[in-house]
Amino acid sequence: MSACASGPPTEVNYVRATERFEGTLPCTDCQGIDTDLIIKRDAITGAPAGFYLHEVRIDAPGGERVNTSWGNWSQNLDVTDFKRQLYVLRPEVGNARVFVPLESGDLQPLSADGAPLVDDEGADVELERLTPSLSETATRDEKQTDQERDG
């Protein structure tokens, strides 16, 4: 009989094997850099498993320029604030890039000195996460919003 008894629901932690982020980063000699970042994780462990970064410089002198890079990334703790996680992208060619994952799910790029990148008005720049959330709460919220919209 005990085999048929049900217990409390078990919490399941979903691993996002692929996350995609997009946005426009500031640029000193162009109108901005359209950025498309895909990070990958091991589907079972959640460990970092590579990235792909595609950037297009908007209205750059000499025409739009495209840069594509890929490589490995890691999750590190910020040595100046142990509560803050950092995503460090290490491309096969070029310099490392650092991002802070935000509570919203978006990524905030950091400059070489560790300060958040800002736009021309001084507002923080973020790459928006495009991957849908798999959390139960988000699913309920989306259903409630759909029901409210449908009347």
C-alpha atoms as a PDB file:
ATOM      1  CA  MET A   1       0.000   0.000   0.000  1.00  0.00           C
ATOM      2  CA  SER A   2       2.760   2.469   0.778  1.00  0.00           C
ATOM      3  CA  ALA A   3       3.979   2.272  -2.811  1.00  0.00           C
ATOM      4  CA  CYS A   4       0.801   4.010  -3.977  1.00  0.00           C
ATOM      5  CA  ALA A   5       0.927   6.738  -1.350  1.00  0.00           C
ATOM      6  CA  SER A   6       1.939  10.134  -2.583  1.00  0.00           C
ATOM      7  CA  GLY A   7       4.278  12.401  -0.730  1.00  0.00           C
ATOM      8  CA  PRO A   8       4.984  16.091  -0.999  1.00  0.00           C
ATOM      9  CA  PRO A   9       5.847  17.276  -4.512  1.00  0.00           C
ATOM     10  CA  THR A  10       9.511  17.011  -5.341  1.00  0.00           C
ATOM     11  CA  GLU A  11      11.220  20.207  -6.449  1.00  0.00           C
ATOM     12  CA  VAL A  12      12.792  19.889  -9.873  1.00  0.00           C
ATOM     13  CA  ASN A  13      15.629  22.148 -10.923  1.00  0.00           C
ATOM     14  CA  TYR A  14      15.656  22.639 -14.670  1.00  0.00           C
ATOM     15  CA  VAL A  15      18.951  23.287 -16.404  1.00  0.00           C
ATOM     16  CA  ARG A  16      18.826  25.752 -19.259  1.00  0.00           C
ATOM     17  CA  ALA A  17      21.163  23.997 -21.689  1.00  0.00           C
ATOM     18  CA  THR A  18      21.107  27.019 -24.002  1.00  0.00           C
ATOM     19  CA  GLU A  19      20.423  30.653 -23.176  1.00  0.00           C
ATOM     20  CA  ARG A  20      20.298  33.486 -25.677  1.00  0.00           C
ATOM     21  CA  PHE A  21      20.814  37.182 -24.980  1.00  0.00           C
ATOM     22  CA  GLU A  22      20.462  40.182 -27.295  1.00  0.00           C
ATOM     23  CA  GLY A  23      20.974  43.911 -27.032  1.00  0.00           C
ATOM     24  CA  THR A  24      22.920  46.906 -28.275  1.00  0.00           C
ATOM     25  CA  LEU A  25      26.173  47.722 -26.519  1.00  0.00           C
ATOM     26  CA  PRO A  26      27.831  51.158 -26.569  1.00  0.00           C
ATOM     27  CA  CYS A  27      30.506  51.920 -29.146  1.00  0.00           C
ATOM     28  CA  THR A  28      33.011  54.796 -29.227  1.00  0.00           C
ATOM     29  CA  ASP A  29      33.219  55.101 -33.015  1.00  0.00           C
ATOM     30  CA  CYS A  30      29.817  53.833 -34.199  1.00  0.00           C
ATOM     31  CA  GLN A  31      26.084  53.968 -33.360  1.00  0.00           C
ATOM     32  CA  GLY A  32      26.286  50.817 -31.216  1.00  0.00           C
ATOM     33  CA  ILE A  33      27.090  47.141 -31.384  1.00  0.00           C
ATOM     34  CA  ASP A  34      24.156  44.797 -32.013  1.00  0.00           C
ATOM     35  CA  THR A  35      25.047  41.822 -29.846  1.00  0.00           C
ATOM     36  CA  ASP A  36      23.711  38.271 -29.960  1.00  0.00           C
ATOM     37  CA  LEU A  37      25.157  35.936 -27.302  1.00  0.00           C
ATOM     38  CA  ILE A  38      24.397  32.248 -26.879  1.00  0.00           C
ATOM     39  CA  ILE A  39      25.771  30.461 -23.840  1.00  0.00           C
ATOM     40  CA  LYS A  40      25.599  26.717 -23.414  1.00  0.00           C
ATOM     41  CA  ARG A  41      25.579  24.497 -20.359  1.00  0.00           C
ATOM     42  CA  ASP A  42      25.859  20.777 -19.817  1.00  0.00           C
ATOM     43  CA  ALA A  43      22.228  19.615 -19.787  1.00  0.00           C
ATOM     44  CA  ILE A  44      22.734  17.397 -16.731  1.00  0.00           C
ATOM     45  CA  THR A  45      25.193  19.244 -14.506  1.00  0.00           C
ATOM     46  CA  GLY A  46      24.548  22.837 -15.607  1.00  0.00           C
ATOM     47  CA  ALA A  47      28.300  23.385 -15.976  1.00  0.00           C
ATOM     48  CA  PRO A  48      29.385  25.968 -18.591  1.00  0.00           C
ATOM     49  CA  ALA A  49      29.872  24.330 -21.993  1.00  0.00           C
ATOM     50  CA  GLY A  50      30.834  27.082 -24.445  1.00  0.00           C
ATOM     51  CA  PHE A  51      29.497  30.261 -26.022  1.00  0.00           C
ATOM     52  CA  TYR A  52      28.896  31.886 -29.400  1.00  0.00           C
ATOM     53  CA  LEU A  53      29.001  35.696 -29.750  1.00  0.00           C
ATOM     54  CA  HIS A  54      27.920  37.589 -32.880  1.00  0.00           C
ATOM     55  CA  GLU A  55      28.388  41.371 -33.029  1.00  0.00           C
ATOM     56  CA  VAL A  56      27.530  43.903 -35.723  1.00  0.00           C
ATOM     57  CA  ARG A  57      28.915  47.456 -35.445  1.00  0.00           C
ATOM     58  CA  ILE A  58      26.125  49.792 -36.593  1.00  0.00           C
ATOM     59  CA  ASP A  59      27.143  52.585 -39.000  1.00  0.00           C
ATOM     60  CA  ALA A  60      30.842  52.005 -38.348  1.00  0.00           C
ATOM     61  CA  PRO A  61      33.316  54.005 -40.450  1.00  0.00           C
ATOM     62  CA  GLY A  62      33.917  52.036 -43.631  1.00  0.00           C
ATOM     63  CA  GLY A  63      30.577  50.208 -43.338  1.00  0.00           C
ATOM     64  CA  GLU A  64      29.070  47.779 -40.871  1.00  0.00           C
ATOM     65  CA  ARG A  65      31.623  45.386 -39.450  1.00  0.00           C
ATOM     66  CA  VAL A  66      30.797  41.937 -38.151  1.00  0.00           C
ATOM     67  CA  ASN A  67      32.678  40.024 -35.484  1.00  0.00           C
ATOM     68  CA  THR A  68      31.937  36.451 -34.485  1.00  0.00           C
ATOM     69  CA  SER A  69      33.705  34.653 -31.677  1.00  0.00           C
ATOM     70  CA  TRP A  70      33.307  31.489 -29.654  1.00  0.00           C
ATOM     71  CA  GLY A  71      35.061  29.717 -26.855  1.00  0.00           C
ATOM     72  CA  ASN A  72      34.614  28.692 -23.250  1.00  0.00           C
ATOM     73  CA  TRP A  73      33.046  30.527 -20.353  1.00  0.00           C
ATOM     74  CA  SER A  74      33.055  30.099 -16.596  1.00  0.00           C
ATOM     75  CA  GLN A  75      31.064  31.207 -13.567  1.00  0.00           C
ATOM     76  CA  ASN A  76      33.165  32.980 -10.956  1.00  0.00           C
ATOM     77  CA  LEU A  77      32.576  34.917  -7.774  1.00  0.00           C
ATOM     78  CA  ASP A  78      33.445  38.601  -7.880  1.00  0.00           C
ATOM     79  CA  VAL A  79      36.495  39.061  -5.620  1.00  0.00           C
ATOM     80  CA  THR A  80      35.219  42.506  -4.548  1.00  0.00           C
ATOM     81  CA  ASP A  81      31.680  41.238  -3.748  1.00  0.00           C
ATOM     82  CA  PHE A  82      31.374  37.524  -2.966  1.00  0.00           C
ATOM     83  CA  LYS A  83      27.575  37.665  -3.390  1.00  0.00           C
ATOM     84  CA  ARG A  84      27.937  38.654  -7.057  1.00  0.00           C
ATOM     85  CA  GLN A  85      28.393  36.024  -9.765  1.00  0.00           C
ATOM     86  CA  LEU A  86      30.363  36.779 -12.905  1.00  0.00           C
ATOM     87  CA  TYR A  87      30.207  35.075 -16.284  1.00  0.00           C
ATOM     88  CA  VAL A  88      33.661  35.242 -17.885  1.00  0.00           C
ATOM     89  CA  LEU A  89      33.750  34.534 -21.620  1.00  0.00           C
ATOM     90  CA  ARG A  90      37.141  33.495 -22.982  1.00  0.00           C
ATOM     91  CA  PRO A  91      37.062  33.473 -26.787  1.00  0.00           C
ATOM     92  CA  GLU A  92      39.520  31.385 -28.787  1.00  0.00           C
ATOM     93  CA  VAL A  93      40.805  34.684 -30.252  1.00  0.00           C
ATOM     94  CA  GLY A  94      40.573  38.038 -28.500  1.00  0.00           C
ATOM     95  CA  ASN A  95      40.123  39.371 -24.985  1.00  0.00           C
ATOM     96  CA  ALA A  96      37.918  37.968 -22.232  1.00  0.00           C
ATOM     97  CA  ARG A  97      34.478  39.509 -21.663  1.00  0.00           C
ATOM     98  CA  VAL A  98      32.772  39.741 -18.275  1.00  0.00           C
ATOM     99  CA  PHE A  99      29.035  39.855 -17.555  1.00  0.00           C
ATOM    100  CA  VAL A 100      26.967  39.945 -14.376  1.00  0.00           C
ATOM    101  CA  PRO A 101      23.799  37.819 -14.405  1.00  0.00           C
ATOM    102  CA  LEU A 102      20.923  39.907 -13.026  1.00  0.00           C
ATOM    103  CA  GLU A 103      17.891  38.729 -11.048  1.00  0.00           C
ATOM    104  CA  SER A 104      15.735  39.508 -14.102  1.00  0.00           C
ATOM    105  CA  GLY A 105      17.697  36.898 -16.071  1.00  0.00           C
ATOM    106  CA  ASP A 106      19.388  39.530 -18.231  1.00  0.00           C
ATOM    107  CA  LEU A 107      23.171  40.018 -18.435  1.00  0.00           C
ATOM    108  CA  GLN A 108      24.976  43.233 -17.600  1.00  0.00           C
ATOM    109  CA  PRO A 109      28.305  43.662 -19.436  1.00  0.00           C
ATOM    110  CA  LEU A 110      31.250  45.056 -17.497  1.00  0.00           C
ATOM    111  CA  SER A 111      34.085  47.215 -18.798  1.00  0.00           C
ATOM    112  CA  ALA A 112      37.739  46.217 -18.449  1.00  0.00           C
ATOM    113  CA  ASP A 113      37.873  47.971 -15.057  1.00  0.00           C
ATOM    114  CA  GLY A 114      34.804  46.069 -13.778  1.00  0.00           C
ATOM    115  CA  ALA A 115      32.280  48.924 -14.049  1.00  0.00           C
ATOM    116  CA  PRO A 116      28.876  48.348 -15.711  1.00  0.00           C
ATOM    117  CA  LEU A 117      28.750  49.548 -19.320  1.00  0.00           C
ATOM    118  CA  VAL A 118      26.505  52.588 -19.807  1.00  0.00           C
ATOM    119  CA  ASP A 119      24.880  54.205 -22.837  1.00  0.00           C
ATOM    120  CA  ASP A 120      25.162  57.851 -23.959  1.00  0.00           C
ATOM    121  CA  GLU A 121      22.628  58.944 -21.325  1.00  0.00           C
ATOM    122  CA  GLY A 122      24.512  57.164 -18.528  1.00  0.00           C
ATOM    123  CA  ALA A 123      21.987  54.328 -18.130  1.00  0.00           C
ATOM    124  CA  ASP A 124      23.254  50.798 -17.501  1.00  0.00           C
ATOM    125  CA  VAL A 125      23.275  48.599 -20.602  1.00  0.00           C
ATOM    126  CA  GLU A 126      21.928  45.037 -20.460  1.00  0.00           C
ATOM    127  CA  LEU A 127      21.608  42.104 -22.802  1.00  0.00           C
ATOM    128  CA  GLU A 128      18.043  40.805 -22.624  1.00  0.00           C
ATOM    129  CA  ARG A 129      17.524  37.083 -22.102  1.00  0.00           C
ATOM    130  CA  LEU A 130      15.403  35.639 -24.900  1.00  0.00           C
ATOM    131  CA  THR A 131      15.196  32.082 -23.589  1.00  0.00           C
ATOM    132  CA  PRO A 132      11.798  31.482 -21.961  1.00  0.00           C
ATOM    133  CA  SER A 133      11.727  30.736 -18.265  1.00  0.00           C
ATOM    134  CA  LEU A 134      10.929  27.155 -17.243  1.00  0.00           C
ATOM    135  CA  SER A 135       9.983  27.946 -13.674  1.00  0.00           C
ATOM    136  CA  GLU A 136       6.562  26.900 -12.403  1.00  0.00           C
ATOM    137  CA  THR A 137       5.901  30.442 -11.142  1.00  0.00           C
ATOM    138  CA  ALA A 138       6.549  31.982 -14.550  1.00  0.00           C
ATOM    139  CA  THR A 139       4.296  29.401 -16.196  1.00  0.00           C
ATOM    140  CA  ARG A 140       1.454  30.240 -13.777  1.00  0.00           C
ATOM    141  CA  ASP A 141       1.976  33.977 -14.307  1.00  0.00           C
ATOM    142  CA  GLU A 142       1.909  33.527 -18.093  1.00  0.00           C
ATOM    143  CA  LYS A 143      -1.325  31.497 -17.879  1.00  0.00           C
ATOM    144  CA  GLN A 144      -2.919  34.125 -15.622  1.00  0.00           C
ATOM    145  CA  THR A 145      -1.923  36.885 -18.057  1.00  0.00           C
ATOM    146  CA  ASP A 146      -3.376  34.850 -20.960  1.00  0.00           C
ATOM    147  CA  GLN A 147      -6.635  34.338 -19.044  1.00  0.00           C
ATOM    148  CA  GLU A 148      -6.898  38.054 -18.194  1.00  0.00           C
ATOM    149  CA  ARG A 149      -6.288  38.982 -21.830  1.00  0.00           C
ATOM    150  CA  ASP A 150      -8.845  36.462 -23.152  1.00  0.00           C
ATOM    151  CA  GLY A 151     -11.392  37.845 -20.675  1.00  0.00           C
END
